[in-house]
PDB file of N, CA and C in Angstrom:
ATOM      1  N   MET A   1     -19.962  11.348  37.319  1.00  0.00           N
ATOM      2  CA  MET A   1     -20.114  11.285  35.885  1.00  0.00           C
ATOM      3  C   MET A   1     -20.127  12.689  35.282  1.00  0.00           C
ATOM      4  N   ALA A   2     -20.823  13.607  35.942  1.00  0.00           N
ATOM      5  CA  ALA A   2     -20.907  14.970  35.442  1.00  0.00           C
ATOM      6  C   ALA A   2     -19.533  15.639  35.461  1.00  0.00           C
ATOM      7  N   GLN A   3     -18.746  15.340  36.486  1.00  0.00           N
ATOM      8  CA  GLN A   3     -17.413  15.924  36.558  1.00  0.00           C
ATOM      9  C   GLN A   3     -16.524  15.379  35.437  1.00  0.00           C
ATOM     10  N   PHE A   4     -16.679  14.117  35.132  1.00  0.00           N
ATOM     11  CA  PHE A   4     -15.921  13.516  34.035  1.00  0.00           C
ATOM     12  C   PHE A   4     -16.255  14.211  32.719  1.00  0.00           C
ATOM     13  N   VAL A   5     -17.531  14.415  32.451  1.00  0.00           N
ATOM     14  CA  VAL A   5     -17.955  15.077  31.220  1.00  0.00           C
ATOM     15  C   VAL A   5     -17.446  16.514  31.195  1.00  0.00           C
ATOM     16  N   ARG A   6     -17.502  17.205  32.319  1.00  0.00           N
ATOM     17  CA  ARG A   6     -17.023  18.578  32.397  1.00  0.00           C
ATOM     18  C   ARG A   6     -15.521  18.633  32.117  1.00  0.00           C
ATOM     19  N   ASN A   7     -14.757  17.708  32.710  1.00  0.00           N
ATOM     20  CA  ASN A   7     -13.316  17.645  32.445  1.00  0.00           C
ATOM     21  C   ASN A   7     -13.034  17.358  30.979  1.00  0.00           C
ATOM     22  N   LEU A   8     -13.807  16.454  30.415  1.00  0.00           N
ATOM     23  CA  LEU A   8     -13.622  16.107  29.012  1.00  0.00           C
ATOM     24  C   LEU A   8     -13.911  17.312  28.119  1.00  0.00           C
ATOM     25  N   VAL A   9     -14.974  18.022  28.409  1.00  0.00           N
ATOM     26  CA  VAL A   9     -15.327  19.206  27.625  1.00  0.00           C
ATOM     27  C   VAL A   9     -14.255  20.289  27.766  1.00  0.00           C
ATOM     28  N   GLU A  10     -13.695  20.436  28.955  1.00  0.00           N
ATOM     29  CA  GLU A  10     -12.650  21.433  29.166  1.00  0.00           C
ATOM     30  C   GLU A  10     -11.359  21.072  28.444  1.00  0.00           C
ATOM     31  N   LYS A  11     -11.036  19.799  28.408  1.00  0.00           N
ATOM     32  CA  LYS A  11      -9.780  19.351  27.795  1.00  0.00           C
ATOM     33  C   LYS A  11      -9.907  19.058  26.306  1.00  0.00           C
ATOM     34  N   ALA A  12     -11.107  18.997  25.781  1.00  0.00           N
ATOM     35  CA  ALA A  12     -11.311  18.631  24.374  1.00  0.00           C
ATOM     36  C   ALA A  12     -10.586  19.566  23.411  1.00  0.00           C
ATOM     37  N   PRO A  13     -10.672  20.883  23.542  1.00  0.00           N
ATOM     38  CA  PRO A  13      -9.953  21.746  22.593  1.00  0.00           C
ATOM     39  C   PRO A  13      -8.440  21.515  22.602  1.00  0.00           C
ATOM     40  N   ALA A  14      -7.872  21.314  23.766  1.00  0.00           N
ATOM     41  CA  ALA A  14      -6.427  21.058  23.847  1.00  0.00           C
ATOM     42  C   ALA A  14      -6.079  19.728  23.183  1.00  0.00           C
ATOM     43  N   LEU A  15      -6.913  18.720  23.389  1.00  0.00           N
ATOM     44  CA  LEU A  15      -6.660  17.421  22.759  1.00  0.00           C
ATOM     45  C   LEU A  15      -6.784  17.506  21.242  1.00  0.00           C
ATOM     46  N   VAL A  16      -7.786  18.233  20.773  1.00  0.00           N
ATOM     47  CA  VAL A  16      -7.967  18.395  19.329  1.00  0.00           C
ATOM     48  C   VAL A  16      -6.790  19.152  18.729  1.00  0.00           C
ATOM     49  N   ASN A  17      -6.353  20.218  19.399  1.00  0.00           N
ATOM     50  CA  ASN A  17      -5.199  20.976  18.904  1.00  0.00           C
ATOM     51  C   ASN A  17      -3.943  20.113  18.869  1.00  0.00           C
ATOM     52  N   ALA A  18      -3.747  19.284  19.882  1.00  0.00           N
ATOM     53  CA  ALA A  18      -2.585  18.393  19.909  1.00  0.00           C
ATOM     54  C   ALA A  18      -2.673  17.378  18.780  1.00  0.00           C
ATOM     55  N   ALA A  19      -3.860  16.835  18.527  1.00  0.00           N
ATOM     56  CA  ALA A  19      -4.026  15.866  17.443  1.00  0.00           C
ATOM     57  C   ALA A  19      -3.773  16.508  16.082  1.00  0.00           C
ATOM     58  N   VAL A  20      -4.253  17.732  15.902  1.00  0.00           N
ATOM     59  CA  VAL A  20      -4.027  18.439  14.638  1.00  0.00           C
ATOM     60  C   VAL A  20      -2.552  18.739  14.452  1.00  0.00           C
ATOM     61  N   THR A  21      -1.907  19.210  15.508  1.00  0.00           N
ATOM     62  CA  THR A  21      -0.478  19.515  15.442  1.00  0.00           C
ATOM     63  C   THR A  21       0.332  18.263  15.129  1.00  0.00           C
ATOM     64  N   TYR A  22      -0.048  17.155  15.714  1.00  0.00           N
ATOM     65  CA  TYR A  22       0.648  15.892  15.479  1.00  0.00           C
ATOM     66  C   TYR A  22       0.409  15.381  14.065  1.00  0.00           C
ATOM     67  N   SER A  23      -0.805  15.546  13.548  1.00  0.00           N
ATOM     68  CA  SER A  23      -1.189  14.935  12.280  1.00  0.00           C
ATOM     69  C   SER A  23      -0.771  15.723  11.052  1.00  0.00           C
ATOM     70  N   LYS A  24      -0.706  17.038  11.130  1.00  0.00           N
ATOM     71  CA  LYS A  24      -0.444  17.858   9.944  1.00  0.00           C
ATOM     72  C   LYS A  24       0.833  17.465   9.199  1.00  0.00           C
ATOM     73  N   PRO A  25       1.997  17.367   9.839  1.00  0.00           N
ATOM     74  CA  PRO A  25       3.198  17.008   9.068  1.00  0.00           C
ATOM     75  C   PRO A  25       3.136  15.582   8.524  1.00  0.00           C
ATOM     76  N   ARG A  26       2.523  14.685   9.259  1.00  0.00           N
ATOM     77  CA  ARG A  26       2.425  13.304   8.785  1.00  0.00           C
ATOM     78  C   ARG A  26       1.489  13.192   7.593  1.00  0.00           C
ATOM     79  N   LEU A  27       0.384  13.912   7.623  1.00  0.00           N
ATOM     80  CA  LEU A  27      -0.531  13.908   6.482  1.00  0.00           C
ATOM     81  C   LEU A  27       0.104  14.577   5.269  1.00  0.00           C
ATOM     82  N   ALA A  28       0.879  15.630   5.489  1.00  0.00           N
ATOM     83  CA  ALA A  28       1.566  16.282   4.376  1.00  0.00           C
ATOM     84  C   ALA A  28       2.551  15.313   3.721  1.00  0.00           C
ATOM     85  N   THR A  29       3.280  14.573   4.533  1.00  0.00           N
ATOM     86  CA  THR A  29       4.202  13.579   3.985  1.00  0.00           C
ATOM     87  C   THR A  29       3.446  12.488   3.245  1.00  0.00           C
ATOM     88  N   PHE A  30       2.336  12.028   3.821  1.00  0.00           N
ATOM     89  CA  PHE A  30       1.543  11.001   3.167  1.00  0.00           C
ATOM     90  C   PHE A  30       1.050  11.482   1.807  1.00  0.00           C
ATOM     91  N   TRP A  31       0.479  12.680   1.740  1.00  0.00           N
ATOM     92  CA  TRP A  31      -0.059  13.186   0.474  1.00  0.00           C
ATOM     93  C   TRP A  31       1.050  13.420  -0.542  1.00  0.00           C
ATOM     94  N   HIS A  32       2.224  13.836  -0.074  1.00  0.00           N
ATOM     95  CA  HIS A  32       3.353  14.016  -0.994  1.00  0.00           C
ATOM     96  C   HIS A  32       3.688  12.699  -1.699  1.00  0.00           C
ATOM     97  N   TYR A  33       3.833  11.629  -0.932  1.00  0.00           N
ATOM     98  CA  TYR A  33       4.182  10.343  -1.523  1.00  0.00           C
ATOM     99  C   TYR A  33       2.991   9.693  -2.238  1.00  0.00           C
ATOM    100  N   ALA A  34       1.775   9.966  -1.779  1.00  0.00           N
ATOM    101  CA  ALA A  34       0.593   9.396  -2.429  1.00  0.00           C
ATOM    102  C   ALA A  34       0.452   9.945  -3.842  1.00  0.00           C
ATOM    103  N   ARG A  35       0.734  11.232  -4.033  1.00  0.00           N
ATOM    104  CA  ARG A  35       0.637  11.823  -5.371  1.00  0.00           C
ATOM    105  C   ARG A  35       1.651  11.212  -6.327  1.00  0.00           C
ATOM    106  N   ILE A  36       2.765  10.747  -5.802  1.00  0.00           N
ATOM    107  CA  ILE A  36       3.807  10.169  -6.647  1.00  0.00           C
ATOM    108  C   ILE A  36       3.578   8.672  -6.863  1.00  0.00           C
ATOM    109  N   GLU A  37       3.327   7.938  -5.792  1.00  0.00           N
ATOM    110  CA  GLU A  37       3.293   6.483  -5.839  1.00  0.00           C
ATOM    111  C   GLU A  37       1.952   5.903  -6.287  1.00  0.00           C
ATOM    112  N   LEU A  38       0.852   6.599  -6.057  1.00  0.00           N
ATOM    113  CA  LEU A  38      -0.459   6.038  -6.344  1.00  0.00           C
ATOM    114  C   LEU A  38      -1.030   6.512  -7.679  1.00  0.00           C
ATOM    115  N   VAL A  39      -0.170   7.012  -8.540  1.00  0.00           N
ATOM    116  CA  VAL A  39      -0.597   7.477  -9.854  1.00  0.00           C
ATOM    117  C   VAL A  39      -0.628   6.276 -10.802  1.00  0.00           C
ATOM    118  N   PRO A  40      -1.677   6.141 -11.631  1.00  0.00           N
ATOM    119  CA  PRO A  40      -1.696   5.040 -12.588  1.00  0.00           C
ATOM    120  C   PRO A  40      -0.554   5.182 -13.599  1.00  0.00           C
ATOM    121  N   PRO A  41      -0.124   4.083 -14.176  1.00  0.00           N
ATOM    122  CA  PRO A  41       0.986   4.170 -15.136  1.00  0.00           C
ATOM    123  C   PRO A  41       0.593   4.968 -16.375  1.00  0.00           C
ATOM    124  N   THR A  42       1.555   5.680 -16.911  1.00  0.00           N
ATOM    125  CA  THR A  42       1.332   6.424 -18.142  1.00  0.00           C
ATOM    126  C   THR A  42       1.488   5.472 -19.322  1.00  0.00           C
ATOM    127  N   PRO A  43       0.976   5.835 -20.487  1.00  0.00           N
ATOM    128  CA  PRO A  43       1.160   4.963 -21.660  1.00  0.00           C
ATOM    129  C   PRO A  43       2.630   4.716 -21.996  1.00  0.00           C
ATOM    130  N   ALA A  44       3.506   5.634 -21.654  1.00  0.00           N
ATOM    131  CA  ALA A  44       4.936   5.443 -21.924  1.00  0.00           C
ATOM    132  C   ALA A  44       5.549   4.394 -21.004  1.00  0.00           C
ATOM    133  N   GLU A  45       4.954   4.158 -19.843  1.00  0.00           N
ATOM    134  CA  GLU A  45       5.509   3.184 -18.893  1.00  0.00           C
ATOM    135  C   GLU A  45       5.064   1.758 -19.181  1.00  0.00           C
ATOM    136  N   VAL A  46       4.025   1.575 -19.980  1.00  0.00           N
ATOM    137  CA  VAL A  46       3.521   0.231 -20.258  1.00  0.00           C
ATOM    138  C   VAL A  46       4.545  -0.620 -21.004  1.00  0.00           C
ATOM    139  N   PRO A  47       5.187  -0.120 -22.076  1.00  0.00           N
ATOM    140  CA  PRO A  47       6.209  -0.958 -22.745  1.00  0.00           C
ATOM    141  C   PRO A  47       7.379  -1.336 -21.836  1.00  0.00           C
ATOM    142  N   ILE A  48       7.739  -0.432 -20.937  1.00  0.00           N
ATOM    143  CA  ILE A  48       8.825  -0.733 -19.992  1.00  0.00           C
ATOM    144  C   ILE A  48       8.412  -1.879 -19.078  1.00  0.00           C
ATOM    145  N   ALA A  49       7.173  -1.866 -18.619  1.00  0.00           N
ATOM    146  CA  ALA A  49       6.683  -2.944 -17.759  1.00  0.00           C
ATOM    147  C   ALA A  49       6.621  -4.261 -18.517  1.00  0.00           C
ATOM    148  N   ILE A  50       6.224  -4.214 -19.776  1.00  0.00           N
ATOM    149  CA  ILE A  50       6.166  -5.436 -20.588  1.00  0.00           C
ATOM    150  C   ILE A  50       7.560  -6.012 -20.779  1.00  0.00           C
ATOM    151  N   GLN A  51       8.552  -5.147 -21.051  1.00  0.00           N
ATOM    152  CA  GLN A  51       9.931  -5.614 -21.193  1.00  0.00           C
ATOM    153  C   GLN A  51      10.441  -6.226 -19.888  1.00  0.00           C
ATOM    154  N   SER A  52      10.102  -5.624 -18.787  1.00  0.00           N
ATOM    155  CA  SER A  52      10.517  -6.154 -17.492  1.00  0.00           C
ATOM    156  C   SER A  52       9.899  -7.531 -17.255  1.00  0.00           C
ATOM    157  N   LEU A  53       8.631  -7.686 -17.597  1.00  0.00           N
ATOM    158  CA  LEU A  53       7.964  -8.975 -17.443  1.00  0.00           C
ATOM    159  C   LEU A  53       8.584 -10.028 -18.358  1.00  0.00           C
ATOM    160  N   LYS A  54       8.910  -9.647 -19.581  1.00  0.00           N
ATOM    161  CA  LYS A  54       9.566 -10.581 -20.511  1.00  0.00           C
ATOM    162  C   LYS A  54      10.918 -11.022 -19.971  1.00  0.00           C
ATOM    163  N   LYS A  55      11.642 -10.074 -19.350  1.00  0.00           N
ATOM    164  CA  LYS A  55      12.949 -10.401 -18.780  1.00  0.00           C
ATOM    165  C   LYS A  55      12.799 -11.392 -17.623  1.00  0.00           C
ATOM    166  N   ILE A  56      11.780 -11.209 -16.807  1.00  0.00           N
ATOM    167  CA  ILE A  56      11.541 -12.131 -15.688  1.00  0.00           C
ATOM    168  C   ILE A  56      11.187 -13.515 -16.209  1.00  0.00           C
ATOM    169  N   ILE A  57      10.348 -13.586 -17.234  1.00  0.00           N
ATOM    170  CA  ILE A  57       9.968 -14.881 -17.820  1.00  0.00           C
ATOM    171  C   ILE A  57      11.184 -15.562 -18.425  1.00  0.00           C
ATOM    172  N   HIS A  58      12.028 -14.795 -19.104  1.00  0.00           N
ATOM    173  CA  HIS A  58      13.244 -15.369 -19.695  1.00  0.00           C
ATOM    174  C   HIS A  58      14.171 -15.921 -18.606  1.00  0.00           C
ATOM    175  N   LYS A  59      14.300 -15.191 -17.511  1.00  0.00           N
ATOM    176  CA  LYS A  59      15.139 -15.676 -16.409  1.00  0.00           C
ATOM    177  C   LYS A  59      14.575 -16.955 -15.810  1.00  0.00           C
ATOM    178  N   ALA A  60      13.251 -17.044 -15.725  1.00  0.00           N
ATOM    179  CA  ALA A  60      12.631 -18.255 -15.184  1.00  0.00           C
ATOM    180  C   ALA A  60      12.847 -19.438 -16.118  1.00  0.00           C
ATOM    181  N   GLN A  61      12.793 -19.201 -17.423  1.00  0.00           N
ATOM    182  CA  GLN A  61      12.962 -20.290 -18.385  1.00  0.00           C
ATOM    183  C   GLN A  61      14.406 -20.774 -18.459  1.00  0.00           C
ATOM    184  N   THR A  62      15.365 -19.858 -18.357  1.00  0.00           N
ATOM    185  CA  THR A  62      16.773 -20.242 -18.478  1.00  0.00           C
ATOM    186  C   THR A  62      17.397 -20.639 -17.148  1.00  0.00           C
ATOM    187  N   GLY A  63      16.739 -20.353 -16.049  1.00  0.00           N
ATOM    188  CA  GLY A  63      17.287 -20.710 -14.749  1.00  0.00           C
ATOM    189  C   GLY A  63      18.275 -19.710 -14.212  1.00  0.00           C
ATOM    190  N   SER A  64      18.388 -18.549 -14.854  1.00  0.00           N
ATOM    191  CA  SER A  64      19.345 -17.552 -14.364  1.00  0.00           C
ATOM    192  C   SER A  64      18.854 -16.857 -13.095  1.00  0.00           C
ATOM    193  N   PHE A  65      17.632 -17.135 -12.690  1.00  0.00           N
ATOM    194  CA  PHE A  65      17.141 -16.568 -11.428  1.00  0.00           C
ATOM    195  C   PHE A  65      17.911 -17.131 -10.244  1.00  0.00           C
ATOM    196  N   LYS A  66      18.590 -18.238 -10.463  1.00  0.00           N
ATOM    197  CA  LYS A  66      19.388 -18.820  -9.385  1.00  0.00           C
ATOM    198  C   LYS A  66      20.611 -17.965  -9.060  1.00  0.00           C
ATOM    199  N   GLN A  67      20.959 -17.039  -9.948  1.00  0.00           N
ATOM    200  CA  GLN A  67      22.125 -16.184  -9.756  1.00  0.00           C
ATOM    201  C   GLN A  67      21.764 -14.839  -9.123  1.00  0.00           C
ATOM    202  N   LEU A  68      20.534 -14.691  -8.654  1.00  0.00           N
ATOM    203  CA  LEU A  68      20.116 -13.444  -8.016  1.00  0.00           C
ATOM    204  C   LEU A  68      20.795 -13.285  -6.660  1.00  0.00           C
ATOM    205  N   THR A  69      21.024 -12.040  -6.308  1.00  0.00           N
ATOM    206  CA  THR A  69      21.516 -11.785  -4.958  1.00  0.00           C
ATOM    207  C   THR A  69      20.340 -11.923  -3.996  1.00  0.00           C
ATOM    208  N   VAL A  70      20.652 -12.014  -2.722  1.00  0.00           N
ATOM    209  CA  VAL A  70      19.604 -12.149  -1.715  1.00  0.00           C
ATOM    210  C   VAL A  70      18.706 -10.913  -1.730  1.00  0.00           C
ATOM    211  N   LYS A  71      19.304  -9.748  -1.905  1.00  0.00           N
ATOM    212  CA  LYS A  71      18.529  -8.506  -1.938  1.00  0.00           C
ATOM    213  C   LYS A  71      17.557  -8.503  -3.119  1.00  0.00           C
ATOM    214  N   GLU A  72      18.022  -8.898  -4.301  1.00  0.00           N
ATOM    215  CA  GLU A  72      17.145  -8.941  -5.476  1.00  0.00           C
ATOM    216  C   GLU A  72      16.037  -9.967  -5.302  1.00  0.00           C
ATOM    217  N   ALA A  73      16.373 -11.126  -4.757  1.00  0.00           N
ATOM    218  CA  ALA A  73      15.365 -12.161  -4.547  1.00  0.00           C
ATOM    219  C   ALA A  73      14.319 -11.701  -3.535  1.00  0.00           C
ATOM    220  N   MET A  74      14.752 -11.042  -2.473  1.00  0.00           N
ATOM    221  CA  MET A  74      13.825 -10.531  -1.478  1.00  0.00           C
ATOM    222  C   MET A  74      12.916  -9.462  -2.085  1.00  0.00           C
ATOM    223  N   LEU A  75      13.484  -8.584  -2.892  1.00  0.00           N
ATOM    224  CA  LEU A  75      12.688  -7.542  -3.544  1.00  0.00           C
ATOM    225  C   LEU A  75      11.659  -8.153  -4.490  1.00  0.00           C
ATOM    226  N   ASN A  76      12.067  -9.141  -5.265  1.00  0.00           N
ATOM    227  CA  ASN A  76      11.121  -9.820  -6.164  1.00  0.00           C
ATOM    228  C   ASN A  76      10.016 -10.505  -5.369  1.00  0.00           C
ATOM    229  N   GLY A  77      10.367 -11.109  -4.257  1.00  0.00           N
ATOM    230  CA  GLY A  77       9.362 -11.755  -3.419  1.00  0.00           C
ATOM    231  C   GLY A  77       8.385 -10.762  -2.818  1.00  0.00           C
ATOM    232  N   LEU A  78       8.881  -9.603  -2.398  1.00  0.00           N
ATOM    233  CA  LEU A  78       8.004  -8.576  -1.846  1.00  0.00           C
ATOM    234  C   LEU A  78       7.055  -8.014  -2.903  1.00  0.00           C
ATOM    235  N   VAL A  79       7.560  -7.818  -4.111  1.00  0.00           N
ATOM    236  CA  VAL A  79       6.699  -7.323  -5.186  1.00  0.00           C
ATOM    237  C   VAL A  79       5.623  -8.350  -5.513  1.00  0.00           C
ATOM    238  N   ALA A  80       6.003  -9.621  -5.588  1.00  0.00           N
ATOM    239  CA  ALA A  80       5.015 -10.670  -5.871  1.00  0.00           C
ATOM    240  C   ALA A  80       3.978 -10.747  -4.753  1.00  0.00           C
ATOM    241  N   THR A  81       4.418 -10.611  -3.513  1.00  0.00           N
ATOM    242  CA  THR A  81       3.483 -10.632  -2.380  1.00  0.00           C
ATOM    243  C   THR A  81       2.539  -9.440  -2.437  1.00  0.00           C
ATOM    244  N   GLU A  82       3.054  -8.280  -2.814  1.00  0.00           N
ATOM    245  CA  GLU A  82       2.197  -7.096  -2.921  1.00  0.00           C
ATOM    246  C   GLU A  82       1.132  -7.283  -3.995  1.00  0.00           C
ATOM    247  N   VAL A  83       1.518  -7.803  -5.137  1.00  0.00           N
ATOM    248  CA  VAL A  83       0.542  -8.051  -6.196  1.00  0.00           C
ATOM    249  C   VAL A  83      -0.500  -9.064  -5.737  1.00  0.00           C
ATOM    250  N   TRP A  84      -0.051 -10.099  -5.059  1.00  0.00           N
ATOM    251  CA  TRP A  84      -0.958 -11.141  -4.557  1.00  0.00           C
ATOM    252  C   TRP A  84      -1.947 -10.560  -3.549  1.00  0.00           C
ATOM    253  N   MET A  85      -1.453  -9.714  -2.639  1.00  0.00           N
ATOM    254  CA  MET A  85      -2.335  -9.111  -1.637  1.00  0.00           C
ATOM    255  C   MET A  85      -3.340  -8.151  -2.272  1.00  0.00           C
ATOM    256  N   TRP A  86      -2.903  -7.363  -3.278  1.00  0.00           N
ATOM    257  CA  TRP A  86      -3.855  -6.475  -3.957  1.00  0.00           C
ATOM    258  C   TRP A  86      -4.939  -7.288  -4.658  1.00  0.00           C
ATOM    259  N   PHE A  87      -4.586  -8.472  -5.179  1.00  0.00           N
ATOM    260  CA  PHE A  87      -5.593  -9.346  -5.778  1.00  0.00           C
ATOM    261  C   PHE A  87      -6.628  -9.734  -4.727  1.00  0.00           C
ATOM    262  N   TYR A  88      -6.158 -10.145  -3.554  1.00  0.00           N
ATOM    263  CA  TYR A  88      -7.098 -10.554  -2.509  1.00  0.00           C
ATOM    264  C   TYR A  88      -7.930  -9.380  -1.991  1.00  0.00           C
ATOM    265  N   ILE A  89      -7.337  -8.214  -1.899  1.00  0.00           N
ATOM    266  CA  ILE A  89      -8.108  -7.041  -1.481  1.00  0.00           C
ATOM    267  C   ILE A  89      -9.195  -6.743  -2.503  1.00  0.00           C
ATOM    268  N   GLY A  90      -8.874  -6.865  -3.782  1.00  0.00           N
ATOM    269  CA  GLY A  90      -9.879  -6.677  -4.823  1.00  0.00           C
ATOM    270  C   GLY A  90     -10.985  -7.711  -4.740  1.00  0.00           C
ATOM    271  N   GLU A  91     -10.624  -8.945  -4.422  1.00  0.00           N
ATOM    272  CA  GLU A  91     -11.639  -9.986  -4.250  1.00  0.00           C
ATOM    273  C   GLU A  91     -12.558  -9.670  -3.076  1.00  0.00           C
ATOM    274  N   ILE A  92     -11.995  -9.215  -1.980  1.00  0.00           N
ATOM    275  CA  ILE A  92     -12.806  -8.876  -0.803  1.00  0.00           C
ATOM    276  C   ILE A  92     -13.743  -7.717  -1.124  1.00  0.00           C
ATOM    277  N   ILE A  93     -13.231  -6.719  -1.844  1.00  0.00           N
ATOM    278  CA  ILE A  93     -14.082  -5.599  -2.229  1.00  0.00           C
ATOM    279  C   ILE A  93     -15.181  -6.072  -3.167  1.00  0.00           C
ATOM    280  N   GLY A  94     -14.837  -6.925  -4.109  1.00  0.00           N
ATOM    281  CA  GLY A  94     -15.828  -7.421  -5.052  1.00  0.00           C
ATOM    282  C   GLY A  94     -16.898  -8.279  -4.396  1.00  0.00           C
ATOM    283  N   LYS A  95     -16.481  -9.088  -3.428  1.00  0.00           N
ATOM    284  CA  LYS A  95     -17.437  -9.950  -2.719  1.00  0.00           C
ATOM    285  C   LYS A  95     -18.232  -9.181  -1.686  1.00  0.00           C
ATOM    286  N   ARG A  96     -17.681  -8.059  -1.233  1.00  0.00           N
ATOM    287  CA  ARG A  96     -18.240  -7.280  -0.130  1.00  0.00           C
ATOM    288  C   ARG A  96     -18.322  -8.113   1.137  1.00  0.00           C
ATOM    289  N   SER A  97     -17.387  -9.031   1.261  1.00  0.00           N
ATOM    290  CA  SER A  97     -17.318  -9.887   2.429  1.00  0.00           C
ATOM    291  C   SER A  97     -15.924 -10.485   2.492  1.00  0.00           C
ATOM    292  N   ILE A  98     -15.440 -10.751   3.678  1.00  0.00           N
ATOM    293  CA  ILE A  98     -14.115 -11.354   3.812  1.00  0.00           C
ATOM    294  C   ILE A  98     -14.199 -12.854   3.600  1.00  0.00           C
ATOM    295  N   VAL A  99     -15.275 -13.478   4.022  1.00  0.00           N
ATOM    296  CA  VAL A  99     -15.342 -14.938   4.063  1.00  0.00           C
ATOM    297  C   VAL A  99     -15.779 -15.566   2.763  1.00  0.00           C
ATOM    298  N   GLY A 100     -16.919 -15.217   2.236  1.00  0.00           N
ATOM    299  CA  GLY A 100     -17.395 -15.913   1.044  1.00  0.00           C
ATOM    300  C   GLY A 100     -18.435 -15.115   0.299  1.00  0.00           C
ATOM    301  N   TYR A 101     -18.876 -15.698  -0.782  1.00  0.00           N
ATOM    302  CA  TYR A 101     -19.882 -15.046  -1.616  1.00  0.00           C
ATOM    303  C   TYR A 101     -21.268 -15.272  -1.037  1.00  0.00           C
ATOM    304  N   ASP A 102     -22.153 -14.291  -1.206  1.00  0.00           N
ATOM    305  CA  ASP A 102     -23.551 -14.453  -0.826  1.00  0.00           C
ATOM    306  C   ASP A 102     -24.233 -15.166  -1.981  1.00  0.00           C
ATOM    307  N   VAL A 103     -24.732 -16.373  -1.678  1.00  0.00           N
ATOM    308  CA  VAL A 103     -25.355 -17.179  -2.741  1.00  0.00           C
ATOM    309  C   VAL A 103     -26.848 -17.166  -2.576  1.00  0.00           C
TER     310      VAL A 103
END
Protein backbone atom coordinates (compact mmCIF):
# COMPACT_ATOMS: atom_id res chain seq x y z
CA MET A 1 0.00 0.00 0.00
CA ALA A 2 2.82 2.39 0.87
CA GLN A 3 4.51 1.71 -2.45
CA PHE A 4 1.27 2.46 -4.28
CA VAL A 5 0.94 5.80 -2.49
CA ARG A 6 4.60 6.61 -3.17
CA ASN A 7 4.15 5.82 -6.89
CA LEU A 8 1.02 7.92 -6.99
CA VAL A 9 2.76 10.85 -5.33
CA GLU A 10 5.68 10.55 -7.75
CA LYS A 11 3.45 10.41 -10.82
CA ALA A 12 0.91 13.02 -9.68
CA PRO A 13 2.72 16.08 -11.11
CA ALA A 14 3.10 14.41 -14.51
CA LEU A 15 -0.57 13.41 -14.52
CA VAL A 16 -1.66 16.92 -13.54
CA ASN A 17 0.53 18.46 -16.24
CA ALA A 18 -0.90 16.05 -18.83
CA ALA A 19 -4.46 16.89 -17.74
CA VAL A 20 -3.76 20.63 -17.94
CA THR A 21 -2.12 20.28 -21.34
CA TYR A 22 -5.07 18.24 -22.59
CA SER A 23 -7.72 20.56 -21.13
CA LYS A 24 -6.42 24.03 -22.01
CA PRO A 25 -7.29 24.07 -25.75
CA ARG A 26 -10.63 22.39 -25.14
CA LEU A 27 -11.59 24.86 -22.42
CA ALA A 28 -10.51 27.75 -24.64
CA THR A 29 -12.78 26.46 -27.40
CA PHE A 30 -15.61 25.97 -24.93
CA TRP A 31 -15.32 29.51 -23.54
CA HIS A 32 -15.10 30.96 -27.05
CA TYR A 33 -18.41 29.39 -28.06
CA ALA A 34 -20.00 29.90 -24.62
CA ARG A 35 -19.49 33.67 -24.89
CA ILE A 36 -21.29 33.65 -28.23
CA GLU A 37 -24.03 31.04 -27.76
CA LEU A 38 -24.99 31.49 -24.10
CA VAL A 39 -25.63 35.23 -24.28
CA PRO A 40 -29.23 36.32 -23.56
CA PRO A 41 -31.07 37.82 -26.52
CA THR A 42 -30.72 41.53 -27.09
CA PRO A 43 -33.82 43.73 -27.34
CA ALA A 44 -33.23 43.95 -31.10
CA GLU A 45 -33.50 40.15 -31.44
CA VAL A 46 -36.89 39.87 -29.71
CA PRO A 47 -38.97 41.15 -32.68
CA ILE A 48 -37.11 38.77 -34.99
CA ALA A 49 -37.99 35.85 -32.71
CA ILE A 50 -41.63 36.95 -32.57
CA GLN A 51 -41.78 37.11 -36.39
CA SER A 52 -40.24 33.66 -36.60
CA LEU A 53 -42.81 32.29 -34.16
CA LYS A 54 -45.65 33.92 -36.13
CA LYS A 55 -44.30 32.32 -39.31
CA ILE A 56 -44.26 28.88 -37.65
CA ILE A 57 -47.84 29.33 -36.40
CA HIS A 58 -48.96 30.43 -39.87
CA LYS A 59 -47.33 27.36 -41.42
CA ALA A 60 -49.08 25.13 -38.90
CA GLN A 61 -52.46 26.72 -39.63
CA THR A 62 -52.14 26.56 -43.43
CA GLY A 63 -50.53 23.13 -43.57
CA SER A 64 -47.48 24.34 -45.46
CA PHE A 65 -45.29 22.54 -42.93
CA LYS A 66 -45.93 19.46 -45.03
CA GLN A 67 -43.66 20.99 -47.70
CA LEU A 68 -40.60 21.12 -45.42
CA THR A 69 -37.47 19.32 -46.44
CA VAL A 70 -36.23 16.53 -44.21
CA LYS A 71 -33.36 18.73 -43.04
CA GLU A 72 -35.70 21.58 -42.04
CA ALA A 73 -38.09 19.20 -40.29
CA MET A 74 -35.23 17.59 -38.39
CA LEU A 75 -33.88 21.00 -37.36
CA ASN A 76 -37.32 22.10 -36.16
CA GLY A 77 -37.67 18.88 -34.20
CA LEU A 78 -34.26 19.34 -32.57
CA VAL A 79 -35.07 22.91 -31.57
CA ALA A 80 -38.41 21.83 -30.09
CA THR A 81 -36.67 19.01 -28.20
CA GLU A 82 -34.07 21.43 -26.86
CA VAL A 83 -36.75 23.80 -25.59
CA TRP A 84 -38.63 20.88 -24.03
CA MET A 85 -35.49 19.59 -22.29
CA TRP A 86 -34.61 23.05 -20.93
CA PHE A 87 -38.14 23.18 -19.49
CA TYR A 88 -37.57 19.89 -17.70
CA ILE A 89 -34.15 20.96 -16.46
CA GLY A 90 -35.75 24.09 -15.04
CA GLU A 91 -38.40 21.97 -13.34
CA ILE A 92 -35.74 19.73 -11.79
CA ILE A 93 -33.83 22.77 -10.55
CA GLY A 94 -37.01 24.30 -9.17
CA LYS A 95 -38.05 21.10 -7.42
CA ARG A 96 -34.50 20.39 -6.26
CA SER A 97 -35.28 16.78 -7.00
CA ILE A 98 -35.52 14.61 -10.10
CA VAL A 99 -38.53 12.58 -8.98
CA GLY A 100 -41.12 14.75 -7.29
CA TYR A 101 -41.99 17.63 -5.06
CA ASP A 102 -41.39 17.53 -1.31
CA VAL A 103 -44.86 17.82 0.19
